[in-house]
Full PDB file with SEQRES, HELIX, SHEET, SSBOND, CRYST1, ORIGX, SCALE, CONECT and MASTER records, all heavy atoms in Angstrom:
SEQRES   1 A   37  ALA ALA PHE GLU ASN GLU VAL LYS ASN ALA ARG GLU ALA          
SEQRES   2 A   37  GLY ALA GLN ILE LEU ARG THR VAL CYS SER GLY GLY ARG          
SEQRES   3 A   37  ARG TYR GLU VAL PHE HIS SER ALA ALA ALA PHE                  
HELIX    1 AA1 ALA A    2  ALA A   13  1                                  12    
HELIX    2 AA2 ARG A   27  VAL A   30  1                                   4    
CRYST1    1.000    1.000    1.000  90.00  90.00  90.00 P 1           1          
ORIGX1      1.000000  0.000000  0.000000        0.00000                         
ORIGX2      0.000000  1.000000  0.000000        0.00000                         
ORIGX3      0.000000  0.000000  1.000000        0.00000                         
SCALE1      1.000000  0.000000  0.000000        0.00000                         
SCALE2      0.000000  1.000000  0.000000        0.00000                         
SCALE3      0.000000  0.000000  1.000000        0.00000                         
ATOM      1  N   ALA A   1     -40.622 -72.435 -30.937  1.00  0.00           N  
ATOM      2  CA  ALA A   1     -41.844 -72.493 -31.879  1.00  0.00           C  
ATOM      3  C   ALA A   1     -41.365 -71.928 -33.205  1.00  0.00           C  
ATOM      4  O   ALA A   1     -41.760 -72.535 -34.265  1.00  0.00           O  
ATOM      5  CB  ALA A   1     -42.819 -71.490 -31.268  1.00  0.00           C  
ATOM      6  N   ALA A   2     -40.503 -71.017 -33.349  1.00  0.00           N  
ATOM      7  CA  ALA A   2     -39.959 -70.493 -34.692  1.00  0.00           C  
ATOM      8  C   ALA A   2     -39.052 -71.704 -35.309  1.00  0.00           C  
ATOM      9  O   ALA A   2     -39.288 -71.874 -36.557  1.00  0.00           O  
ATOM     10  CB  ALA A   2     -39.076 -69.383 -34.565  1.00  0.00           C  
ATOM     11  N   PHE A   3     -38.325 -72.377 -34.525  1.00  0.00           N  
ATOM     12  CA  PHE A   3     -37.661 -73.455 -35.061  1.00  0.00           C  
ATOM     13  C   PHE A   3     -38.539 -74.490 -35.624  1.00  0.00           C  
ATOM     14  O   PHE A   3     -38.301 -75.109 -36.721  1.00  0.00           O  
ATOM     15  CB  PHE A   3     -36.679 -74.057 -34.004  1.00  0.00           C  
ATOM     16  CG  PHE A   3     -35.818 -75.313 -34.326  1.00  0.00           C  
ATOM     17  CD1 PHE A   3     -34.696 -75.033 -35.180  1.00  0.00           C  
ATOM     18  CD2 PHE A   3     -36.388 -76.601 -34.050  1.00  0.00           C  
ATOM     19  CE1 PHE A   3     -34.070 -76.301 -35.489  1.00  0.00           C  
ATOM     20  CE2 PHE A   3     -35.574 -77.716 -34.287  1.00  0.00           C  
ATOM     21  CZ  PHE A   3     -34.447 -77.614 -35.125  1.00  0.00           C  
ATOM     22  N   GLU A   4     -39.683 -74.895 -34.903  1.00  0.00           N  
ATOM     23  CA  GLU A   4     -40.491 -75.819 -35.421  1.00  0.00           C  
ATOM     24  C   GLU A   4     -41.190 -75.412 -36.724  1.00  0.00           C  
ATOM     25  O   GLU A   4     -41.382 -76.347 -37.677  1.00  0.00           O  
ATOM     26  CB  GLU A   4     -41.570 -76.023 -34.290  1.00  0.00           C  
ATOM     27  CG  GLU A   4     -42.736 -77.143 -34.694  1.00  0.00           C  
ATOM     28  CD  GLU A   4     -43.606 -77.601 -33.642  1.00  0.00           C  
ATOM     29  OE1 GLU A   4     -43.512 -77.095 -32.497  1.00  0.00           O  
ATOM     30  OE2 GLU A   4     -44.433 -78.437 -33.892  1.00  0.00           O  
ATOM     31  N   ASN A   5     -41.525 -74.170 -36.690  1.00  0.00           N  
ATOM     32  CA  ASN A   5     -42.213 -73.757 -37.932  1.00  0.00           C  
ATOM     33  C   ASN A   5     -41.327 -73.945 -39.217  1.00  0.00           C  
ATOM     34  O   ASN A   5     -41.705 -74.302 -40.332  1.00  0.00           O  
ATOM     35  CB  ASN A   5     -42.656 -72.328 -37.913  1.00  0.00           C  
ATOM     36  CG  ASN A   5     -43.453 -71.776 -39.117  1.00  0.00           C  
ATOM     37  OD1 ASN A   5     -44.522 -72.406 -39.343  1.00  0.00           O  
ATOM     38  ND2 ASN A   5     -43.016 -70.765 -39.768  1.00  0.00           N  
ATOM     39  N   GLU A   6     -39.881 -73.617 -39.063  1.00  0.00           N  
ATOM     40  CA  GLU A   6     -38.912 -73.805 -40.034  1.00  0.00           C  
ATOM     41  C   GLU A   6     -38.732 -75.168 -40.376  1.00  0.00           C  
ATOM     42  O   GLU A   6     -38.718 -75.687 -41.640  1.00  0.00           O  
ATOM     43  CB  GLU A   6     -37.667 -73.177 -39.693  1.00  0.00           C  
ATOM     44  CG  GLU A   6     -37.660 -71.749 -39.598  1.00  0.00           C  
ATOM     45  CD  GLU A   6     -36.403 -70.953 -39.335  1.00  0.00           C  
ATOM     46  OE1 GLU A   6     -35.380 -71.705 -39.202  1.00  0.00           O  
ATOM     47  OE2 GLU A   6     -36.407 -69.790 -39.091  1.00  0.00           O  
ATOM     48  N   VAL A   7     -38.812 -76.122 -39.423  1.00  0.00           N  
ATOM     49  CA  VAL A   7     -38.569 -77.542 -39.743  1.00  0.00           C  
ATOM     50  C   VAL A   7     -39.884 -78.090 -40.469  1.00  0.00           C  
ATOM     51  O   VAL A   7     -39.711 -78.776 -41.573  1.00  0.00           O  
ATOM     52  CB  VAL A   7     -38.568 -78.393 -38.342  1.00  0.00           C  
ATOM     53  CG1 VAL A   7     -38.628 -79.879 -38.670  1.00  0.00           C  
ATOM     54  CG2 VAL A   7     -37.072 -78.075 -37.805  1.00  0.00           C  
ATOM     55  N   LYS A   8     -41.080 -77.578 -40.029  1.00  0.00           N  
ATOM     56  CA  LYS A   8     -42.278 -78.105 -40.721  1.00  0.00           C  
ATOM     57  C   LYS A   8     -42.312 -77.615 -42.170  1.00  0.00           C  
ATOM     58  O   LYS A   8     -42.662 -78.433 -43.081  1.00  0.00           O  
ATOM     59  CB  LYS A   8     -43.537 -77.489 -40.082  1.00  0.00           C  
ATOM     60  CG  LYS A   8     -44.776 -77.825 -40.484  1.00  0.00           C  
ATOM     61  CD  LYS A   8     -46.004 -77.433 -39.660  1.00  0.00           C  
ATOM     62  CE  LYS A   8     -46.167 -75.897 -39.730  1.00  0.00           C  
ATOM     63  NZ  LYS A   8     -47.325 -75.364 -39.065  1.00  0.00           N  
ATOM     64  N   ASN A   9     -41.949 -76.420 -42.441  1.00  0.00           N  
ATOM     65  CA  ASN A   9     -41.951 -75.912 -43.872  1.00  0.00           C  
ATOM     66  C   ASN A   9     -40.825 -76.567 -44.695  1.00  0.00           C  
ATOM     67  O   ASN A   9     -40.983 -76.941 -45.760  1.00  0.00           O  
ATOM     68  CB  ASN A   9     -41.709 -74.404 -43.949  1.00  0.00           C  
ATOM     69  CG  ASN A   9     -43.091 -73.648 -43.427  1.00  0.00           C  
ATOM     70  OD1 ASN A   9     -44.167 -74.196 -43.535  1.00  0.00           O  
ATOM     71  ND2 ASN A   9     -42.836 -72.559 -42.881  1.00  0.00           N  
ATOM     72  N   ALA A  10     -39.698 -76.758 -44.111  1.00  0.00           N  
ATOM     73  CA  ALA A  10     -38.676 -77.564 -44.811  1.00  0.00           C  
ATOM     74  C   ALA A  10     -39.047 -78.854 -45.221  1.00  0.00           C  
ATOM     75  O   ALA A  10     -38.829 -79.352 -46.305  1.00  0.00           O  
ATOM     76  CB  ALA A  10     -37.397 -77.519 -43.936  1.00  0.00           C  
ATOM     77  N   ARG A  11     -39.748 -79.624 -44.240  1.00  0.00           N  
ATOM     78  CA  ARG A  11     -40.304 -80.904 -44.528  1.00  0.00           C  
ATOM     79  C   ARG A  11     -41.262 -80.929 -45.710  1.00  0.00           C  
ATOM     80  O   ARG A  11     -41.325 -81.813 -46.492  1.00  0.00           O  
ATOM     81  CB  ARG A  11     -40.736 -81.597 -43.239  1.00  0.00           C  
ATOM     82  CG  ARG A  11     -41.133 -83.026 -43.490  1.00  0.00           C  
ATOM     83  CD  ARG A  11     -41.800 -83.541 -42.131  1.00  0.00           C  
ATOM     84  NE  ARG A  11     -41.874 -84.990 -42.085  1.00  0.00           N  
ATOM     85  CZ  ARG A  11     -42.828 -85.777 -42.675  1.00  0.00           C  
ATOM     86  NH1 ARG A  11     -43.689 -85.105 -43.495  1.00  0.00           N  
ATOM     87  NH2 ARG A  11     -42.817 -87.030 -42.460  1.00  0.00           N  
ATOM     88  N   GLU A  12     -42.160 -79.985 -45.527  1.00  0.00           N  
ATOM     89  CA  GLU A  12     -43.124 -79.848 -46.676  1.00  0.00           C  
ATOM     90  C   GLU A  12     -42.503 -79.683 -48.045  1.00  0.00           C  
ATOM     91  O   GLU A  12     -43.008 -80.113 -49.017  1.00  0.00           O  
ATOM     92  CB  GLU A  12     -44.079 -78.677 -46.376  1.00  0.00           C  
ATOM     93  CG  GLU A  12     -45.077 -78.287 -47.549  1.00  0.00           C  
ATOM     94  CD  GLU A  12     -46.086 -79.395 -47.727  1.00  0.00           C  
ATOM     95  OE1 GLU A  12     -46.345 -80.350 -46.743  1.00  0.00           O  
ATOM     96  OE2 GLU A  12     -46.725 -79.460 -48.685  1.00  0.00           O  
ATOM     97  N   ALA A  13     -41.378 -78.986 -48.117  1.00  0.00           N  
ATOM     98  CA  ALA A  13     -40.661 -78.785 -49.229  1.00  0.00           C  
ATOM     99  C   ALA A  13     -39.958 -80.070 -49.818  1.00  0.00           C  
ATOM    100  O   ALA A  13     -39.383 -80.225 -50.879  1.00  0.00           O  
ATOM    101  CB  ALA A  13     -39.650 -77.661 -49.277  1.00  0.00           C  
ATOM    102  N   GLY A  14     -39.833 -80.979 -48.960  1.00  0.00           N  
ATOM    103  CA  GLY A  14     -39.097 -82.301 -49.112  1.00  0.00           C  
ATOM    104  C   GLY A  14     -37.825 -82.552 -48.590  1.00  0.00           C  
ATOM    105  O   GLY A  14     -37.142 -83.388 -48.998  1.00  0.00           O  
ATOM    106  N   ALA A  15     -37.382 -81.583 -47.652  1.00  0.00           N  
ATOM    107  CA  ALA A  15     -36.207 -81.779 -47.093  1.00  0.00           C  
ATOM    108  C   ALA A  15     -36.146 -82.743 -45.981  1.00  0.00           C  
ATOM    109  O   ALA A  15     -37.002 -82.738 -45.054  1.00  0.00           O  
ATOM    110  CB  ALA A  15     -35.586 -80.491 -46.519  1.00  0.00           C  
ATOM    111  N   GLN A  16     -35.371 -83.891 -46.083  1.00  0.00           N  
ATOM    112  CA  GLN A  16     -35.274 -84.800 -45.072  1.00  0.00           C  
ATOM    113  C   GLN A  16     -34.082 -84.457 -44.106  1.00  0.00           C  
ATOM    114  O   GLN A  16     -34.118 -84.984 -42.918  1.00  0.00           O  
ATOM    115  CB  GLN A  16     -34.806 -86.172 -45.718  1.00  0.00           C  
ATOM    116  CG  GLN A  16     -35.949 -86.867 -46.559  1.00  0.00           C  
ATOM    117  CD  GLN A  16     -35.380 -88.083 -47.217  1.00  0.00           C  
ATOM    118  OE1 GLN A  16     -34.723 -88.106 -48.195  1.00  0.00           O  
ATOM    119  NE2 GLN A  16     -35.662 -89.198 -46.569  1.00  0.00           N  
ATOM    120  N   ILE A  17     -33.128 -83.648 -44.515  1.00  0.00           N  
ATOM    121  CA  ILE A  17     -31.961 -83.303 -43.707  1.00  0.00           C  
ATOM    122  C   ILE A  17     -31.833 -81.826 -43.699  1.00  0.00           C  
ATOM    123  O   ILE A  17     -31.894 -81.024 -44.587  1.00  0.00           O  
ATOM    124  CB  ILE A  17     -30.639 -84.001 -44.291  1.00  0.00           C  
ATOM    125  CG1 ILE A  17     -30.848 -85.508 -44.276  1.00  0.00           C  
ATOM    126  CG2 ILE A  17     -29.496 -83.480 -43.627  1.00  0.00           C  
ATOM    127  CD1 ILE A  17     -29.854 -86.290 -45.136  1.00  0.00           C  
ATOM    128  N   LEU A  18     -31.627 -81.346 -42.446  1.00  0.00           N  
ATOM    129  CA  LEU A  18     -31.434 -79.972 -42.197  1.00  0.00           C  
ATOM    130  C   LEU A  18     -29.881 -79.787 -41.595  1.00  0.00           C  
ATOM    131  O   LEU A  18     -29.609 -80.386 -40.503  1.00  0.00           O  
ATOM    132  CB  LEU A  18     -32.273 -79.311 -41.218  1.00  0.00           C  
ATOM    133  CG  LEU A  18     -33.745 -79.467 -41.664  1.00  0.00           C  
ATOM    134  CD1 LEU A  18     -34.683 -78.978 -40.516  1.00  0.00           C  
ATOM    135  CD2 LEU A  18     -33.975 -78.622 -42.878  1.00  0.00           C  
ATOM    136  N   ARG A  19     -29.037 -79.027 -42.327  1.00  0.00           N  
ATOM    137  CA  ARG A  19     -27.706 -78.755 -41.776  1.00  0.00           C  
ATOM    138  C   ARG A  19     -27.740 -77.582 -40.865  1.00  0.00           C  
ATOM    139  O   ARG A  19     -28.567 -76.636 -41.056  1.00  0.00           O  
ATOM    140  CB  ARG A  19     -26.791 -78.462 -42.915  1.00  0.00           C  
ATOM    141  CG  ARG A  19     -25.514 -77.861 -42.631  1.00  0.00           C  
ATOM    142  CD  ARG A  19     -25.456 -76.234 -42.797  1.00  0.00           C  
ATOM    143  NE  ARG A  19     -24.252 -75.721 -42.587  1.00  0.00           N  
ATOM    144  CZ  ARG A  19     -24.033 -74.394 -42.542  1.00  0.00           C  
ATOM    145  NH1 ARG A  19     -25.083 -73.617 -42.820  1.00  0.00           N  
ATOM    146  NH2 ARG A  19     -22.905 -73.886 -42.433  1.00  0.00           N  
ATOM    147  N   THR A  20     -27.003 -77.639 -39.787  1.00  0.00           N  
ATOM    148  CA  THR A  20     -26.897 -76.533 -38.888  1.00  0.00           C  
ATOM    149  C   THR A  20     -25.441 -76.311 -38.418  1.00  0.00           C  
ATOM    150  O   THR A  20     -24.541 -77.136 -38.665  1.00  0.00           O  
ATOM    151  CB  THR A  20     -27.852 -76.707 -37.627  1.00  0.00           C  
ATOM    152  OG1 THR A  20     -28.002 -75.536 -36.973  1.00  0.00           O  
ATOM    153  CG2 THR A  20     -27.318 -77.923 -36.667  1.00  0.00           C  
ATOM    154  N   VAL A  21     -25.322 -75.234 -37.817  1.00  0.00           N  
ATOM    155  CA  VAL A  21     -23.941 -74.971 -37.095  1.00  0.00           C  
ATOM    156  C   VAL A  21     -24.141 -74.524 -35.606  1.00  0.00           C  
ATOM    157  O   VAL A  21     -25.189 -73.887 -35.415  1.00  0.00           O  
ATOM    158  CB  VAL A  21     -23.032 -73.798 -37.783  1.00  0.00           C  
ATOM    159  CG1 VAL A  21     -22.835 -74.322 -39.279  1.00  0.00           C  
ATOM    160  CG2 VAL A  21     -23.886 -72.445 -37.893  1.00  0.00           C  
ATOM    161  N   CYS A  22     -23.255 -74.779 -34.862  1.00  0.00           N  
ATOM    162  CA  CYS A  22     -23.271 -74.386 -33.478  1.00  0.00           C  
ATOM    163  C   CYS A  22     -22.824 -73.040 -33.309  1.00  0.00           C  
ATOM    164  O   CYS A  22     -23.017 -72.282 -32.259  1.00  0.00           O  
ATOM    165  CB  CYS A  22     -22.689 -75.483 -32.511  1.00  0.00           C  
ATOM    166  SG  CYS A  22     -23.579 -77.007 -32.526  1.00  0.00           S  
ATOM    167  N   SER A  23     -21.776 -72.613 -33.979  1.00  0.00           N  
ATOM    168  CA  SER A  23     -21.138 -71.347 -34.001  1.00  0.00           C  
ATOM    169  C   SER A  23     -21.111 -70.725 -35.360  1.00  0.00           C  
ATOM    170  O   SER A  23     -20.695 -71.415 -36.313  1.00  0.00           O  
ATOM    171  CB  SER A  23     -19.686 -71.468 -33.402  1.00  0.00           C  
ATOM    172  OG  SER A  23     -19.022 -70.131 -33.570  1.00  0.00           O  
ATOM    173  N   GLY A  24     -21.466 -69.442 -35.446  1.00  0.00           N  
ATOM    174  CA  GLY A  24     -21.348 -68.849 -36.757  1.00  0.00           C  
ATOM    175  C   GLY A  24     -20.115 -68.381 -37.098  1.00  0.00           C  
ATOM    176  O   GLY A  24     -19.938 -67.920 -38.334  1.00  0.00           O  
ATOM    177  N   GLY A  25     -19.167 -68.527 -36.239  1.00  0.00           N  
ATOM    178  CA  GLY A  25     -17.693 -67.951 -36.608  1.00  0.00           C  
ATOM    179  C   GLY A  25     -16.595 -69.039 -36.478  1.00  0.00           C  
ATOM    180  O   GLY A  25     -16.964 -70.107 -35.968  1.00  0.00           O  
ATOM    181  N   ARG A  26     -15.499 -68.603 -36.632  1.00  0.00           N  
ATOM    182  CA  ARG A  26     -14.246 -69.451 -36.604  1.00  0.00           C  
ATOM    183  C   ARG A  26     -13.726 -69.548 -35.079  1.00  0.00           C  
ATOM    184  O   ARG A  26     -13.645 -68.509 -34.437  1.00  0.00           O  
ATOM    185  CB  ARG A  26     -13.188 -69.165 -37.566  1.00  0.00           C  
ATOM    186  CG  ARG A  26     -13.654 -69.140 -38.920  1.00  0.00           C  
ATOM    187  CD  ARG A  26     -12.656 -68.578 -40.029  1.00  0.00           C  
ATOM    188  NE  ARG A  26     -13.511 -68.381 -41.254  1.00  0.00           N  
ATOM    189  CZ  ARG A  26     -13.569 -67.208 -41.793  1.00  0.00           C  
ATOM    190  NH1 ARG A  26     -13.082 -65.986 -41.189  1.00  0.00           N  
ATOM    191  NH2 ARG A  26     -14.301 -67.076 -42.893  1.00  0.00           N  
ATOM    192  N   ARG A  27     -13.507 -70.654 -34.547  1.00  0.00           N  
ATOM    193  CA  ARG A  27     -13.175 -70.899 -33.123  1.00  0.00           C  
ATOM    194  C   ARG A  27     -12.131 -69.909 -32.634  1.00  0.00           C  
ATOM    195  O   ARG A  27     -12.155 -69.302 -31.747  1.00  0.00           O  
ATOM    196  CB  ARG A  27     -12.718 -72.296 -32.967  1.00  0.00           C  
ATOM    197  CG  ARG A  27     -12.232 -72.679 -31.717  1.00  0.00           C  
ATOM    198  CD  ARG A  27     -12.064 -74.079 -31.531  1.00  0.00           C  
ATOM    199  NE  ARG A  27     -11.499 -74.612 -30.219  1.00  0.00           N  
ATOM    200  CZ  ARG A  27     -11.570 -75.878 -29.811  1.00  0.00           C  
ATOM    201  NH1 ARG A  27     -12.144 -76.809 -30.634  1.00  0.00           N  
ATOM    202  NH2 ARG A  27     -11.093 -76.326 -28.687  1.00  0.00           N  
ATOM    203  N   TYR A  28     -11.015 -69.797 -33.464  1.00  0.00           N  
ATOM    204  CA  TYR A  28      -9.802 -69.021 -33.145  1.00  0.00           C  
ATOM    205  C   TYR A  28     -10.127 -67.575 -33.262  1.00  0.00           C  
ATOM    206  O   TYR A  28      -9.246 -66.721 -32.847  1.00  0.00           O  
ATOM    207  CB  TYR A  28      -8.638 -69.492 -33.891  1.00  0.00           C  
ATOM    208  CG  TYR A  28      -8.940 -69.776 -35.395  1.00  0.00           C  
ATOM    209  CD1 TYR A  28      -8.894 -68.601 -36.298  1.00  0.00           C  
ATOM    210  CD2 TYR A  28      -9.401 -70.951 -35.913  1.00  0.00           C  
ATOM    211  CE1 TYR A  28      -9.069 -68.907 -37.618  1.00  0.00           C  
ATOM    212  CE2 TYR A  28      -9.713 -71.103 -37.210  1.00  0.00           C  
ATOM    213  CZ  TYR A  28      -9.486 -70.084 -38.005  1.00  0.00           C  
ATOM    214  OH  TYR A  28      -9.830 -70.317 -39.415  1.00  0.00           O  
ATOM    215  N   GLU A  29     -11.205 -67.173 -33.870  1.00  0.00           N  
ATOM    216  CA  GLU A  29     -11.601 -65.760 -34.018  1.00  0.00           C  
ATOM    217  C   GLU A  29     -12.620 -65.292 -32.939  1.00  0.00           C  
ATOM    218  O   GLU A  29     -12.696 -64.080 -32.578  1.00  0.00           O  
ATOM    219  CB  GLU A  29     -11.962 -65.455 -35.481  1.00  0.00           C  
ATOM    220  CG  GLU A  29     -10.926 -65.667 -36.423  1.00  0.00           C  
ATOM    221  CD  GLU A  29     -11.439 -65.534 -37.869  1.00  0.00           C  
ATOM    222  OE1 GLU A  29     -12.611 -65.450 -38.141  1.00  0.00           O  
ATOM    223  OE2 GLU A  29     -10.466 -65.432 -38.949  1.00  0.00           O  
ATOM    224  N   VAL A  30     -13.479 -66.264 -32.691  1.00  0.00           N  
ATOM    225  CA  VAL A  30     -14.613 -65.963 -31.799  1.00  0.00           C  
ATOM    226  C   VAL A  30     -14.392 -66.123 -30.313  1.00  0.00           C  
ATOM    227  O   VAL A  30     -14.854 -65.282 -29.494  1.00  0.00           O  
ATOM    228  CB  VAL A  30     -15.847 -66.798 -32.223  1.00  0.00           C  
ATOM    229  CG1 VAL A  30     -17.033 -66.615 -31.244  1.00  0.00           C  
ATOM    230  CG2 VAL A  30     -16.297 -66.522 -33.694  1.00  0.00           C  
ATOM    231  N   PHE A  31     -13.635 -67.154 -29.970  1.00  0.00           N  
ATOM    232  CA  PHE A  31     -13.495 -67.546 -28.621  1.00  0.00           C  
ATOM    233  C   PHE A  31     -11.999 -67.203 -28.118  1.00  0.00           C  
ATOM    234  O   PHE A  31     -11.123 -67.543 -28.902  1.00  0.00           O  
ATOM    235  CB  PHE A  31     -13.712 -69.004 -28.232  1.00  0.00           C  
ATOM    236  CG  PHE A  31     -15.058 -69.468 -28.748  1.00  0.00           C  
ATOM    237  CD1 PHE A  31     -15.221 -70.234 -29.843  1.00  0.00           C  
ATOM    238  CD2 PHE A  31     -16.209 -68.875 -28.136  1.00  0.00           C  
ATOM    239  CE1 PHE A  31     -16.462 -70.681 -30.295  1.00  0.00           C  
ATOM    240  CE2 PHE A  31     -17.490 -69.311 -28.649  1.00  0.00           C  
ATOM    241  CZ  PHE A  31     -17.588 -70.185 -29.684  1.00  0.00           C  
ATOM    242  N   HIS A  32     -11.825 -66.573 -26.953  1.00  0.00           N  
ATOM    243  CA  HIS A  32     -10.531 -66.026 -26.609  1.00  0.00           C  
ATOM    244  C   HIS A  32     -10.040 -66.526 -25.266  1.00  0.00           C  
ATOM    245  O   HIS A  32      -9.058 -66.128 -24.720  1.00  0.00           O  
ATOM    246  CB  HIS A  32     -10.525 -64.463 -26.625  1.00  0.00           C  
ATOM    247  CG  HIS A  32     -10.920 -63.973 -27.881  1.00  0.00           C  
ATOM    248  ND1 HIS A  32     -10.094 -64.020 -29.075  1.00  0.00           N  
ATOM    249  CD2 HIS A  32     -12.049 -63.348 -28.367  1.00  0.00           C  
ATOM    250  CE1 HIS A  32     -10.790 -63.281 -30.068  1.00  0.00           C  
ATOM    251  NE2 HIS A  32     -11.980 -62.974 -29.571  1.00  0.00           N  
ATOM    252  N   SER A  33     -10.772 -67.640 -24.771  1.00  0.00           N  
ATOM    253  CA  SER A  33     -10.361 -68.263 -23.663  1.00  0.00           C  
ATOM    254  C   SER A  33     -10.888 -69.701 -23.570  1.00  0.00           C  
ATOM    255  O   SER A  33     -11.809 -70.080 -24.246  1.00  0.00           O  
ATOM    256  CB  SER A  33     -10.708 -67.592 -22.347  1.00  0.00           C  
ATOM    257  OG  SER A  33     -12.222 -67.592 -22.245  1.00  0.00           O  
ATOM    258  N   ALA A  34     -10.290 -70.649 -22.787  1.00  0.00           N  
ATOM    259  CA  ALA A  34     -10.758 -71.964 -22.636  1.00  0.00           C  
ATOM    260  C   ALA A  34     -12.235 -71.856 -22.066  1.00  0.00           C  
ATOM    261  O   ALA A  34     -13.125 -72.695 -22.448  1.00  0.00           O  
ATOM    262  CB  ALA A  34      -9.933 -72.740 -21.715  1.00  0.00           C  
ATOM    263  N   ALA A  35     -12.509 -70.883 -20.976  1.00  0.00           N  
ATOM    264  CA  ALA A  35     -13.790 -70.786 -20.446  1.00  0.00           C  
ATOM    265  C   ALA A  35     -14.809 -70.511 -21.379  1.00  0.00           C  
ATOM    266  O   ALA A  35     -15.931 -71.122 -21.352  1.00  0.00           O  
ATOM    267  CB  ALA A  35     -13.729 -69.855 -19.300  1.00  0.00           C  
ATOM    268  N   ALA A  36     -14.488 -69.585 -22.427  1.00  0.00           N  
ATOM    269  CA  ALA A  36     -15.539 -69.205 -23.348  1.00  0.00           C  
ATOM    270  C   ALA A  36     -15.803 -70.278 -24.213  1.00  0.00           C  
ATOM    271  O   ALA A  36     -17.061 -70.490 -24.711  1.00  0.00           O  
ATOM    272  CB  ALA A  36     -14.903 -68.037 -24.136  1.00  0.00           C  
ATOM    273  N   PHE A  37     -14.862 -71.080 -24.616  1.00  0.00           N  
ATOM    274  CA  PHE A  37     -15.160 -72.295 -25.483  1.00  0.00           C  
ATOM    275  C   PHE A  37     -16.128 -73.332 -24.698  1.00  0.00           C  
ATOM    276  O   PHE A  37     -16.888 -73.940 -25.304  1.00  0.00           O  
ATOM    277  CB  PHE A  37     -13.919 -72.960 -25.996  1.00  0.00           C  
ATOM    278  CG  PHE A  37     -14.230 -73.976 -27.054  1.00  0.00           C  
ATOM    279  CD1 PHE A  37     -14.722 -73.590 -28.248  1.00  0.00           C  
ATOM    280  CD2 PHE A  37     -14.024 -75.253 -26.854  1.00  0.00           C  
ATOM    281  CE1 PHE A  37     -15.002 -74.545 -29.308  1.00  0.00           C  
ATOM    282  CE2 PHE A  37     -14.385 -76.234 -27.724  1.00  0.00           C  
ATOM    283  CZ  PHE A  37     -14.877 -75.837 -29.008  1.00  0.00           C  
TER     284      PHE A  37                                                      
MASTER        0    0    0    2    0    0    0    6  283    1    0    3          
END                                                                             
């Protein structure tokens, strides 16, 4: 629901494209095993 509200407002502002990331950190700093990745 919160995601939808952000998408709706971004579209109202004229944004056709929304960039995102799946991880907020760098792979070699955040994950310490193959299982974690």
